Amino acid sequence: MDESRALQRAGQAGAASVVLLVAGVALCASAGVDDPSLSDAAIVDRVDDGVRQTAAGIGLVVLAAGIALLLWFTVGLRRVLDRLSGGDPLAHAIVPAAVLFGGLMITGVSLDVSSAVAALSDEFTPDPDTARVLGMAGAVVALTGLTGGAVLVAATTRIAQQARALPTWAVWVSYAVAVLCLTGFWSGGMASVAFALWLIGAAVALLRTARRPTSAPTATTSSP
């Protein structure tokens, strides 16, 4: 497979990863406890609902698939950044940053839905306070994963800025997204939405790069 085809598929993987990540979080959220102010009865009904439990199980699989596609995308993105920068070591932070984001995200979501999954067993009786603690722990862990997103955005933007590959407004918007991701828990869902939109933009940019024809090397002739 030539490089252009590989980059195109990596870009498609990036766009698909955003869809799967959003879908996975939405499915799992139906069985999680993201609001500790819910009444005990409401929490027990939520974590002991068979439909919600099934949705959470499917959501974890969808989320894992989305993270796998995100890693595929970042590998392609790193290849483009290597080309832009001429081998800047900063590009090597891209894939580990995505691993950090994906690992903490799926860990946090798993904590959030753990009460609902455990309730599938007749040996476990849902406890509202336990569900509250696990739900809040899951939210904190998942949102802390946006630290990896901040590194991914900042490193990509810095290399693109040095290569003059982005307009000035896009550079500063990207840095604003990185700062927002660092605020994580305190920004609520705004950081997650901003990072998802940035990923879509990066995937589109990667697809455009893949479709751009590569210039043929100039032949040199030696003088007799």
C-alpha atoms as a PDB file:
ATOM      1  CA  MET A   1       0.000   0.000   0.000  1.00  0.00           C
ATOM      2  CA  ASP A   2       1.459   3.418  -0.983  1.00  0.00           C
ATOM      3  CA  GLU A   3       1.810   6.208   1.566  1.00  0.00           C
ATOM      4  CA  SER A   4      -1.055   8.268   0.139  1.00  0.00           C
ATOM      5  CA  ARG A   5      -3.503   5.369   0.529  1.00  0.00           C
ATOM      6  CA  ALA A   6      -2.245   4.666   4.050  1.00  0.00           C
ATOM      7  CA  LEU A   7      -2.701   8.282   5.112  1.00  0.00           C
ATOM      8  CA  GLN A   8      -6.160   8.397   3.568  1.00  0.00           C
ATOM      9  CA  ARG A   9      -7.250   5.358   5.563  1.00  0.00           C
ATOM     10  CA  ALA A  10      -5.721   6.825   8.722  1.00  0.00           C
ATOM     11  CA  GLY A  11      -7.766   9.983   8.162  1.00  0.00           C
ATOM     12  CA  GLN A  12     -10.922   7.942   7.690  1.00  0.00           C
ATOM     13  CA  ALA A  13     -10.098   6.068  10.895  1.00  0.00           C
ATOM     14  CA  GLY A  14      -9.818   9.385  12.715  1.00  0.00           C
ATOM     15  CA  ALA A  15     -13.249  10.538  11.554  1.00  0.00           C
ATOM     16  CA  ALA A  16     -14.790   7.168  12.443  1.00  0.00           C
ATOM     17  CA  SER A  17     -13.134   7.199  15.868  1.00  0.00           C
ATOM     18  CA  VAL A  18     -14.958  10.397  16.833  1.00  0.00           C
ATOM     19  CA  VAL A  19     -18.312   8.836  15.919  1.00  0.00           C
ATOM     20  CA  LEU A  20     -17.579   5.653  17.857  1.00  0.00           C
ATOM     21  CA  LEU A  21     -16.227   7.469  20.908  1.00  0.00           C
ATOM     22  CA  VAL A  22     -19.325   9.665  21.130  1.00  0.00           C
ATOM     23  CA  ALA A  23     -21.631   6.686  20.596  1.00  0.00           C
ATOM     24  CA  GLY A  24     -19.785   4.572  23.168  1.00  0.00           C
ATOM     25  CA  VAL A  25     -19.887   7.258  25.841  1.00  0.00           C
ATOM     26  CA  ALA A  26     -23.585   7.901  25.158  1.00  0.00           C
ATOM     27  CA  LEU A  27     -24.474   4.213  25.507  1.00  0.00           C
ATOM     28  CA  CYS A  28     -22.488   3.824  28.719  1.00  0.00           C
ATOM     29  CA  ALA A  29     -23.849   7.047  30.204  1.00  0.00           C
ATOM     30  CA  SER A  30     -27.341   5.555  30.283  1.00  0.00           C
ATOM     31  CA  ALA A  31     -26.177   3.111  32.977  1.00  0.00           C
ATOM     32  CA  GLY A  32     -23.684   5.347  34.741  1.00  0.00           C
ATOM     33  CA  VAL A  33     -24.228   7.732  37.634  1.00  0.00           C
ATOM     34  CA  ASP A  34     -22.859  11.095  36.550  1.00  0.00           C
ATOM     35  CA  ASP A  35     -25.092  13.096  38.895  1.00  0.00           C
ATOM     36  CA  PRO A  36     -24.530  12.283  42.590  1.00  0.00           C
ATOM     37  CA  SER A  37     -27.598  14.339  43.542  1.00  0.00           C
ATOM     38  CA  LEU A  38     -29.949  11.696  42.133  1.00  0.00           C
ATOM     39  CA  SER A  39     -32.164  10.031  44.687  1.00  0.00           C
ATOM     40  CA  ASP A  40     -31.280   6.568  45.972  1.00  0.00           C
ATOM     41  CA  ALA A  41     -34.313   5.067  44.252  1.00  0.00           C
ATOM     42  CA  ALA A  42     -33.403   6.655  40.905  1.00  0.00           C
ATOM     43  CA  ILE A  43     -29.837   5.355  41.113  1.00  0.00           C
ATOM     44  CA  VAL A  44     -30.927   1.816  41.966  1.00  0.00           C
ATOM     45  CA  ASP A  45     -33.433   1.846  39.096  1.00  0.00           C
ATOM     46  CA  ARG A  46     -30.740   3.073  36.728  1.00  0.00           C
ATOM     47  CA  VAL A  47     -28.041   0.534  37.585  1.00  0.00           C
ATOM     48  CA  ASP A  48     -30.491  -2.369  37.897  1.00  0.00           C
ATOM     49  CA  ASP A  49     -32.223  -1.762  34.547  1.00  0.00           C
ATOM     50  CA  GLY A  50     -31.582  -4.625  32.122  1.00  0.00           C
ATOM     51  CA  VAL A  51     -31.827  -2.432  29.031  1.00  0.00           C
ATOM     52  CA  ARG A  52     -29.315   0.058  30.419  1.00  0.00           C
ATOM     53  CA  GLN A  53     -26.979  -2.770  31.454  1.00  0.00           C
ATOM     54  CA  THR A  54     -27.056  -4.164  27.921  1.00  0.00           C
ATOM     55  CA  ALA A  55     -26.431  -0.699  26.473  1.00  0.00           C
ATOM     56  CA  ALA A  56     -23.422  -0.275  28.771  1.00  0.00           C
ATOM     57  CA  GLY A  57     -21.960  -3.606  27.653  1.00  0.00           C
ATOM     58  CA  ILE A  58     -22.337  -2.643  23.995  1.00  0.00           C
ATOM     59  CA  GLY A  59     -21.020   0.842  24.712  1.00  0.00           C
ATOM     60  CA  LEU A  60     -17.756  -0.461  26.169  1.00  0.00           C
ATOM     61  CA  VAL A  61     -17.118  -2.474  22.990  1.00  0.00           C
ATOM     62  CA  VAL A  62     -17.921   0.534  20.803  1.00  0.00           C
ATOM     63  CA  LEU A  63     -15.664   2.732  22.932  1.00  0.00           C
ATOM     64  CA  ALA A  64     -12.783   0.273  22.649  1.00  0.00           C
ATOM     65  CA  ALA A  65     -13.182   0.216  18.855  1.00  0.00           C
ATOM     66  CA  GLY A  66     -13.153   4.007  18.784  1.00  0.00           C
ATOM     67  CA  ILE A  67      -9.927   4.146  20.785  1.00  0.00           C
ATOM     68  CA  ALA A  68      -8.300   1.612  18.453  1.00  0.00           C
ATOM     69  CA  LEU A  69      -9.225   3.741  15.433  1.00  0.00           C
ATOM     70  CA  LEU A  70      -7.916   6.845  17.208  1.00  0.00           C
ATOM     71  CA  LEU A  71      -4.522   5.161  17.631  1.00  0.00           C
ATOM     72  CA  TRP A  72      -4.525   4.261  13.934  1.00  0.00           C
ATOM     73  CA  PHE A  73      -5.250   7.896  13.117  1.00  0.00           C
ATOM     74  CA  THR A  74      -2.468   9.235  15.320  1.00  0.00           C
ATOM     75  CA  VAL A  75       0.066   6.946  13.668  1.00  0.00           C
ATOM     76  CA  GLY A  76      -0.826   8.498  10.309  1.00  0.00           C
ATOM     77  CA  LEU A  77      -0.828  11.984  11.830  1.00  0.00           C
ATOM     78  CA  ARG A  78       2.654  11.423  13.232  1.00  0.00           C
ATOM     79  CA  ARG A  79       3.884  10.433   9.763  1.00  0.00           C
ATOM     80  CA  VAL A  80       2.649  13.737   8.360  1.00  0.00           C
ATOM     81  CA  LEU A  81       4.176  15.692  11.243  1.00  0.00           C
ATOM     82  CA  ASP A  82       7.501  13.914  10.735  1.00  0.00           C
ATOM     83  CA  ARG A  83       7.408  15.019   7.108  1.00  0.00           C
ATOM     84  CA  LEU A  84       6.504  18.619   8.003  1.00  0.00           C
ATOM     85  CA  SER A  85       9.122  18.978  10.711  1.00  0.00           C
ATOM     86  CA  GLY A  86      11.922  16.984   9.171  1.00  0.00           C
ATOM     87  CA  GLY A  87      11.928  14.558  12.099  1.00  0.00           C
ATOM     88  CA  ASP A  88      11.213  16.808  15.096  1.00  0.00           C
ATOM     89  CA  PRO A  89      11.228  14.600  18.252  1.00  0.00           C
ATOM     90  CA  LEU A  90       8.079  16.442  19.401  1.00  0.00           C
ATOM     91  CA  ALA A  91       6.108  14.370  16.914  1.00  0.00           C
ATOM     92  CA  HIS A  92       6.931  11.257  18.942  1.00  0.00           C
ATOM     93  CA  ALA A  93       4.588  12.497  21.696  1.00  0.00           C
ATOM     94  CA  ILE A  94       1.530  12.107  19.467  1.00  0.00           C
ATOM     95  CA  VAL A  95       0.866   8.380  19.828  1.00  0.00           C
ATOM     96  CA  PRO A  96       1.650   8.138  23.591  1.00  0.00           C
ATOM     97  CA  ALA A  97      -0.694  11.095  24.160  1.00  0.00           C
ATOM     98  CA  ALA A  98      -3.485   9.240  22.367  1.00  0.00           C
ATOM     99  CA  VAL A  99      -2.742   6.123  24.430  1.00  0.00           C
ATOM    100  CA  LEU A 100      -3.002   8.174  27.638  1.00  0.00           C
ATOM    101  CA  PHE A 101      -6.301   9.683  26.529  1.00  0.00           C
ATOM    102  CA  GLY A 102      -7.803   6.367  25.431  1.00  0.00           C
ATOM    103  CA  GLY A 103      -6.583   4.413  28.450  1.00  0.00           C
ATOM    104  CA  LEU A 104      -7.932   6.855  31.026  1.00  0.00           C
ATOM    105  CA  MET A 105     -11.151   7.340  29.114  1.00  0.00           C
ATOM    106  CA  ILE A 106     -12.095   3.672  28.962  1.00  0.00           C
ATOM    107  CA  THR A 107     -10.965   3.200  32.581  1.00  0.00           C
ATOM    108  CA  GLY A 108     -13.165   6.058  33.735  1.00  0.00           C
ATOM    109  CA  VAL A 109     -16.192   4.893  31.782  1.00  0.00           C
ATOM    110  CA  SER A 110     -15.687   1.346  33.090  1.00  0.00           C
ATOM    111  CA  LEU A 111     -15.698   2.633  36.676  1.00  0.00           C
ATOM    112  CA  ASP A 112     -18.877   4.571  35.977  1.00  0.00           C
ATOM    113  CA  VAL A 113     -20.779   1.544  34.688  1.00  0.00           C
ATOM    114  CA  SER A 114     -19.211  -1.009  37.040  1.00  0.00           C
ATOM    115  CA  SER A 115     -22.206  -0.974  39.413  1.00  0.00           C
ATOM    116  CA  ALA A 116     -24.578  -1.696  36.532  1.00  0.00           C
ATOM    117  CA  VAL A 117     -22.373  -4.511  35.219  1.00  0.00           C
ATOM    118  CA  ALA A 118     -22.017  -6.010  38.701  1.00  0.00           C
ATOM    119  CA  ALA A 119     -25.794  -5.862  39.106  1.00  0.00           C
ATOM    120  CA  LEU A 120     -26.088  -8.448  36.347  1.00  0.00           C
ATOM    121  CA  SER A 121     -25.043 -10.966  38.981  1.00  0.00           C
ATOM    122  CA  ASP A 122     -27.522 -12.149  41.563  1.00  0.00           C
ATOM    123  CA  GLU A 123     -24.684 -12.028  44.099  1.00  0.00           C
ATOM    124  CA  PHE A 124     -24.543  -8.215  44.053  1.00  0.00           C
ATOM    125  CA  THR A 125     -27.107  -5.820  45.494  1.00  0.00           C
ATOM    126  CA  PRO A 126     -26.788  -2.276  44.044  1.00  0.00           C
ATOM    127  CA  ASP A 127     -25.862   0.294  46.667  1.00  0.00           C
ATOM    128  CA  PRO A 128     -26.637   3.961  45.821  1.00  0.00           C
ATOM    129  CA  ASP A 129     -23.648   5.383  47.694  1.00  0.00           C
ATOM    130  CA  THR A 130     -21.223   2.956  46.061  1.00  0.00           C
ATOM    131  CA  ALA A 131     -22.648   3.823  42.645  1.00  0.00           C
ATOM    132  CA  ARG A 132     -22.251   7.540  43.395  1.00  0.00           C
ATOM    133  CA  VAL A 133     -18.600   7.187  44.379  1.00  0.00           C
ATOM    134  CA  LEU A 134     -17.735   4.993  41.399  1.00  0.00           C
ATOM    135  CA  GLY A 135     -19.607   7.314  39.054  1.00  0.00           C
ATOM    136  CA  MET A 136     -17.734  10.389  40.250  1.00  0.00           C
ATOM    137  CA  ALA A 137     -14.413   8.521  40.239  1.00  0.00           C
ATOM    138  CA  GLY A 138     -15.097   7.452  36.672  1.00  0.00           C
ATOM    139  CA  ALA A 139     -15.895  11.013  35.601  1.00  0.00           C
ATOM    140  CA  VAL A 140     -12.705  12.371  37.175  1.00  0.00           C
ATOM    141  CA  VAL A 141     -10.515   9.674  35.607  1.00  0.00           C
ATOM    142  CA  ALA A 142     -12.097  10.019  32.152  1.00  0.00           C
ATOM    143  CA  LEU A 143     -11.857  13.811  32.130  1.00  0.00           C
ATOM    144  CA  THR A 144      -8.264  13.629  33.376  1.00  0.00           C
ATOM    145  CA  GLY A 145      -7.584  11.667  30.197  1.00  0.00           C
ATOM    146  CA  LEU A 146      -8.053  14.930  28.321  1.00  0.00           C
ATOM    147  CA  THR A 147      -4.502  15.715  29.450  1.00  0.00           C
ATOM    148  CA  GLY A 148      -3.429  13.348  26.699  1.00  0.00           C
ATOM    149  CA  GLY A 149      -5.717  15.221  24.325  1.00  0.00           C
ATOM    150  CA  ALA A 150      -4.036  18.491  25.307  1.00  0.00           C
ATOM    151  CA  VAL A 151      -0.597  17.059  24.502  1.00  0.00           C
ATOM    152  CA  LEU A 152      -1.860  15.701  21.171  1.00  0.00           C
ATOM    153  CA  VAL A 153      -3.350  19.065  20.179  1.00  0.00           C
ATOM    154  CA  ALA A 154      -0.425  21.172  21.407  1.00  0.00           C
ATOM    155  CA  ALA A 155       2.307  19.051  19.799  1.00  0.00           C
ATOM    156  CA  THR A 156       0.475  18.880  16.474  1.00  0.00           C
ATOM    157  CA  THR A 157      -0.215  22.616  16.487  1.00  0.00           C
ATOM    158  CA  ARG A 158       3.357  23.545  17.375  1.00  0.00           C
ATOM    159  CA  ILE A 159       4.823  21.515  14.530  1.00  0.00           C
ATOM    160  CA  ALA A 160       2.228  22.810  12.053  1.00  0.00           C
ATOM    161  CA  GLN A 161       2.908  26.381  13.219  1.00  0.00           C
ATOM    162  CA  GLN A 162       6.647  26.032  12.715  1.00  0.00           C
ATOM    163  CA  ALA A 163       6.038  24.620   9.230  1.00  0.00           C
ATOM    164  CA  ARG A 164       3.544  27.426   8.458  1.00  0.00           C
ATOM    165  CA  ALA A 165       0.986  24.761   7.542  1.00  0.00           C
ATOM    166  CA  LEU A 166      -1.912  26.420   9.403  1.00  0.00           C
ATOM    167  CA  PRO A 167      -3.408  29.907   9.261  1.00  0.00           C
ATOM    168  CA  THR A 168      -2.848  32.043  12.333  1.00  0.00           C
ATOM    169  CA  TRP A 169      -6.459  31.811  13.510  1.00  0.00           C
ATOM    170  CA  ALA A 170      -6.375  27.989  13.375  1.00  0.00           C
ATOM    171  CA  VAL A 171      -3.153  27.930  15.404  1.00  0.00           C
ATOM    172  CA  TRP A 172      -4.609  30.027  18.222  1.00  0.00           C
ATOM    173  CA  VAL A 173      -7.911  28.140  18.207  1.00  0.00           C
ATOM    174  CA  SER A 174      -5.962  24.887  18.538  1.00  0.00           C
ATOM    175  CA  TYR A 175      -3.921  26.234  21.448  1.00  0.00           C
ATOM    176  CA  ALA A 176      -7.188  27.336  23.093  1.00  0.00           C
ATOM    177  CA  VAL A 177      -8.494  23.762  22.702  1.00  0.00           C
ATOM    178  CA  ALA A 178      -5.313  22.427  24.334  1.00  0.00           C
ATOM    179  CA  VAL A 179      -5.739  24.774  27.304  1.00  0.00           C
ATOM    180  CA  LEU A 180      -9.416  23.832  27.583  1.00  0.00           C
ATOM    181  CA  CYS A 181      -8.473  20.140  27.630  1.00  0.00           C
ATOM    182  CA  LEU A 182      -6.072  20.815  30.493  1.00  0.00           C
ATOM    183  CA  THR A 183      -8.940  22.194  32.558  1.00  0.00           C
ATOM    184  CA  GLY A 184     -10.599  18.783  32.147  1.00  0.00           C
ATOM    185  CA  PHE A 185     -13.052  18.277  34.966  1.00  0.00           C
ATOM    186  CA  TRP A 186     -13.624  21.992  35.617  1.00  0.00           C
ATOM    187  CA  SER A 187     -14.774  22.765  32.086  1.00  0.00           C
ATOM    188  CA  GLY A 188     -17.474  20.109  32.191  1.00  0.00           C
ATOM    189  CA  GLY A 189     -18.356  18.800  28.741  1.00  0.00           C
ATOM    190  CA  MET A 190     -16.931  21.806  26.882  1.00  0.00           C
ATOM    191  CA  ALA A 191     -13.409  20.364  26.752  1.00  0.00           C
ATOM    192  CA  SER A 192     -14.673  17.030  25.400  1.00  0.00           C
ATOM    193  CA  VAL A 193     -16.722  18.745  22.685  1.00  0.00           C
ATOM    194  CA  ALA A 194     -13.823  21.016  21.720  1.00  0.00           C
ATOM    195  CA  PHE A 195     -11.422  18.069  21.483  1.00  0.00           C
ATOM    196  CA  ALA A 196     -13.878  16.069  19.370  1.00  0.00           C
ATOM    197  CA  LEU A 197     -14.285  18.996  16.947  1.00  0.00           C
ATOM    198  CA  TRP A 198     -10.500  19.390  16.772  1.00  0.00           C
ATOM    199  CA  LEU A 199     -10.135  15.681  15.958  1.00  0.00           C
ATOM    200  CA  ILE A 200     -12.631  16.032  13.122  1.00  0.00           C
ATOM    201  CA  GLY A 201     -10.667  18.979  11.738  1.00  0.00           C
ATOM    202  CA  ALA A 202      -7.382  17.079  12.035  1.00  0.00           C
ATOM    203  CA  ALA A 203      -8.887  14.055  10.267  1.00  0.00           C
ATOM    204  CA  VAL A 204     -10.119  16.257   7.412  1.00  0.00           C
ATOM    205  CA  ALA A 205      -6.678  17.868   7.146  1.00  0.00           C
ATOM    206  CA  LEU A 206      -5.049  14.430   7.014  1.00  0.00           C
ATOM    207  CA  LEU A 207      -7.430  13.329   4.257  1.00  0.00           C
ATOM    208  CA  ARG A 208      -6.608  16.454   2.244  1.00  0.00           C
ATOM    209  CA  THR A 209      -2.899  15.792   2.712  1.00  0.00           C
ATOM    210  CA  ALA A 210      -3.356  12.204   1.517  1.00  0.00           C
ATOM    211  CA  ARG A 211      -5.123  13.357  -1.668  1.00  0.00           C
ATOM    212  CA  ARG A 212      -2.510  15.994  -2.434  1.00  0.00           C
ATOM    213  CA  PRO A 213      -0.232  14.793  -5.231  1.00  0.00           C
ATOM    214  CA  THR A 214       3.375  14.391  -4.168  1.00  0.00           C
ATOM    215  CA  SER A 215       5.859  16.337  -6.216  1.00  0.00           C
ATOM    216  CA  ALA A 216       8.224  14.241  -8.273  1.00  0.00           C
ATOM    217  CA  PRO A 217      11.892  14.636  -7.503  1.00  0.00           C
ATOM    218  CA  THR A 218      13.718  16.980  -9.830  1.00  0.00           C
ATOM    219  CA  ALA A 219      16.223  15.218 -12.088  1.00  0.00           C
ATOM    220  CA  THR A 220      19.702  16.693 -12.143  1.00  0.00           C
ATOM    221  CA  THR A 221      22.037  16.419 -15.059  1.00  0.00           C
ATOM    222  CA  SER A 222      25.774  16.447 -14.719  1.00  0.00           C
ATOM    223  CA  SER A 223      27.819  18.673 -16.982  1.00  0.00           C
ATOM    224  CA  PRO A 224      30.136  16.874 -19.363  1.00  0.00           C
END
